[in-house]
Protein backbone atom coordinates (compact mmCIF):
# COMPACT_ATOMS: atom_id res chain seq x y z
CA GLN A 1 -19.07 -17.16 -10.45
CA VAL A 2 -16.43 -14.38 -10.86
CA GLN A 3 -12.87 -15.12 -9.95
CA LEU A 4 -10.90 -12.20 -8.74
CA VAL A 5 -6.84 -12.70 -8.99
CA GLU A 6 -4.86 -10.25 -7.08
CA SER A 7 -1.33 -9.57 -7.44
CA GLY A 8 1.50 -6.84 -6.38
CA GLY A 9 1.80 -7.32 -2.78
CA GLY A 10 5.18 -7.58 -0.91
CA LEU A 11 7.62 -5.87 1.33
CA VAL A 12 8.48 -2.46 1.05
CA GLN A 13 10.15 0.18 3.29
CA PRO A 14 8.32 3.24 4.88
CA GLY A 15 8.20 6.00 2.27
CA GLY A 16 8.05 3.38 -0.46
CA SER A 17 5.38 2.45 -3.28
CA LEU A 18 3.71 -0.74 -4.41
CA ARG A 19 0.85 -1.16 -7.19
CA LEU A 20 -1.65 -3.78 -6.53
CA SER A 21 -3.69 -5.22 -9.55
CA CYS A 22 -6.85 -7.58 -9.42
CA ALA A 23 -7.94 -9.19 -12.87
CA ALA A 24 -11.50 -10.24 -13.31
CA PRO A 25 -11.38 -12.28 -16.44
CA GLY A 26 -14.48 -13.59 -18.31
CA THR A 27 -16.61 -10.59 -16.67
CA ILE A 28 -18.43 -7.41 -18.04
CA PHE A 29 -16.14 -5.72 -15.85
CA ARG A 30 -17.78 -2.27 -16.71
CA LEU A 31 -20.81 -3.32 -14.70
CA TYR A 32 -18.80 -3.79 -11.58
CA ASN A 33 -18.25 -1.41 -8.44
CA MET A 34 -14.44 -2.55 -7.58
CA ALA A 35 -13.09 -2.07 -4.29
CA TRP A 36 -9.92 -2.62 -2.17
CA TYR A 37 -10.32 -3.37 1.31
CA ARG A 38 -7.34 -4.38 3.89
CA GLN A 39 -7.13 -6.18 6.88
CA ALA A 40 -4.55 -5.91 9.58
CA PRO A 41 -4.00 -8.56 12.43
CA GLY A 42 -6.23 -8.19 15.13
CA LYS A 43 -8.48 -5.48 13.32
CA GLN A 44 -11.50 -5.28 11.18
CA ARG A 45 -11.58 -5.48 7.58
CA GLU A 46 -11.92 -1.99 6.34
CA LEU A 47 -12.47 -0.13 3.07
CA VAL A 48 -9.47 1.28 1.61
CA ALA A 49 -10.72 2.74 -2.15
CA ALA A 50 -13.69 2.13 -4.24
CA SER A 51 -14.19 2.60 -8.26
CA SER A 52 -17.87 2.56 -9.16
CA SER A 53 -19.18 1.43 -12.59
CA GLY A 54 -19.80 5.21 -13.36
CA GLY A 55 -16.35 6.11 -12.93
CA SER A 56 -16.44 7.80 -9.23
CA THR A 57 -13.80 6.93 -6.53
CA ASN A 58 -13.68 7.37 -2.99
CA TYR A 59 -11.04 6.74 -0.33
CA ALA A 60 -10.50 6.15 3.44
CA ASP A 61 -9.43 9.11 5.16
CA SER A 62 -6.13 7.45 5.96
CA VAL A 63 -4.90 6.96 2.52
CA LYS A 64 -6.35 10.07 0.53
CA GLY A 65 -3.71 11.86 -1.17
CA ARG A 66 -1.31 8.66 -1.03
CA PHE A 67 -3.35 5.93 -2.77
CA THR A 68 -5.03 5.99 -6.00
CA ILE A 69 -7.53 3.54 -7.58
CA SER A 70 -7.87 3.07 -11.13
CA ARG A 71 -9.20 0.70 -13.67
CA ASP A 72 -8.97 -0.57 -17.30
CA ASN A 73 -12.25 -1.93 -18.15
CA ALA A 74 -10.84 -3.12 -21.38
CA LYS A 75 -8.56 -5.25 -19.40
CA ASN A 76 -11.08 -6.24 -16.68
CA THR A 77 -8.49 -5.09 -13.97
CA VAL A 78 -8.51 -2.82 -11.14
CA PHE A 79 -5.19 -1.30 -9.56
CA LEU A 80 -4.38 0.24 -6.35
CA GLN A 81 -1.07 2.47 -6.60
CA MET A 82 0.29 3.10 -3.02
CA ASN A 83 2.38 5.52 -2.49
CA SER A 84 4.14 7.25 0.86
CA LEU A 85 3.49 3.81 2.48
CA LYS A 86 3.57 3.74 6.31
CA PRO A 87 4.02 0.91 8.60
CA GLU A 88 0.41 1.20 9.68
CA ASP A 89 -0.53 0.32 5.80
CA THR A 90 0.75 -3.45 6.61
CA ALA A 91 -2.22 -5.54 5.98
CA VAL A 92 -3.81 -8.20 3.64
CA TYR A 93 -5.49 -6.45 1.03
CA TYR A 94 -8.64 -7.71 -0.69
CA CYS A 95 -10.13 -6.64 -4.10
CA ASN A 96 -13.99 -6.88 -4.03
CA ALA A 97 -16.43 -6.81 -6.92
CA GLU A 98 -19.94 -6.12 -6.49
CA HIS A 99 -22.46 -5.91 -9.19
CA SER A 100 -23.67 -2.38 -10.03
CA TRP A 101 -27.23 -3.86 -10.60
CA SER A 102 -27.57 -6.22 -7.66
CA SER A 103 -25.74 -6.17 -4.45
CA ALA A 104 -26.67 -10.12 -4.36
CA TYR A 105 -23.60 -10.46 -6.57
CA VAL A 106 -20.44 -10.05 -4.54
CA TYR A 107 -17.18 -11.57 -4.94
CA TRP A 108 -13.51 -11.22 -3.25
CA GLY A 109 -10.00 -12.11 -4.10
CA GLN A 110 -7.64 -14.20 -1.96
CA GLY A 111 -5.85 -11.14 -0.82
CA THR A 112 -2.18 -10.20 -1.11
CA GLN A 113 0.08 -9.18 2.00
CA VAL A 114 1.70 -6.03 1.90
CA THR A 115 4.18 -5.28 4.37
CA VAL A 116 5.90 -2.14 5.12
CA SER A 117 8.82 -2.31 7.41
CA SER A 118 12.61 -1.01 7.43
């Protein structure tokens, strides 16, 4: 069982920045594809950004140019740097880990609230 520990959410004004972190202690982190999802009230959970074990990244169109996903395999941590935040970015953000060798091993964090409001 992989435990994902998220941090970094909060309240920020439009145009501001936040950095989310997700730690996965005790794992062979480099073997996992990591991703951030978000879910706003009344909406489905959606993929925000992903970082594969091989180093590639991809982003939802709505966050391209504003958000950056990165990972530190030595520290078993993935980050989501969010800049130029908009009210529509308000959601609960979830960290996701999927083993690159088997999609049967998928894990979720507990979620962290991000609220963008003046």
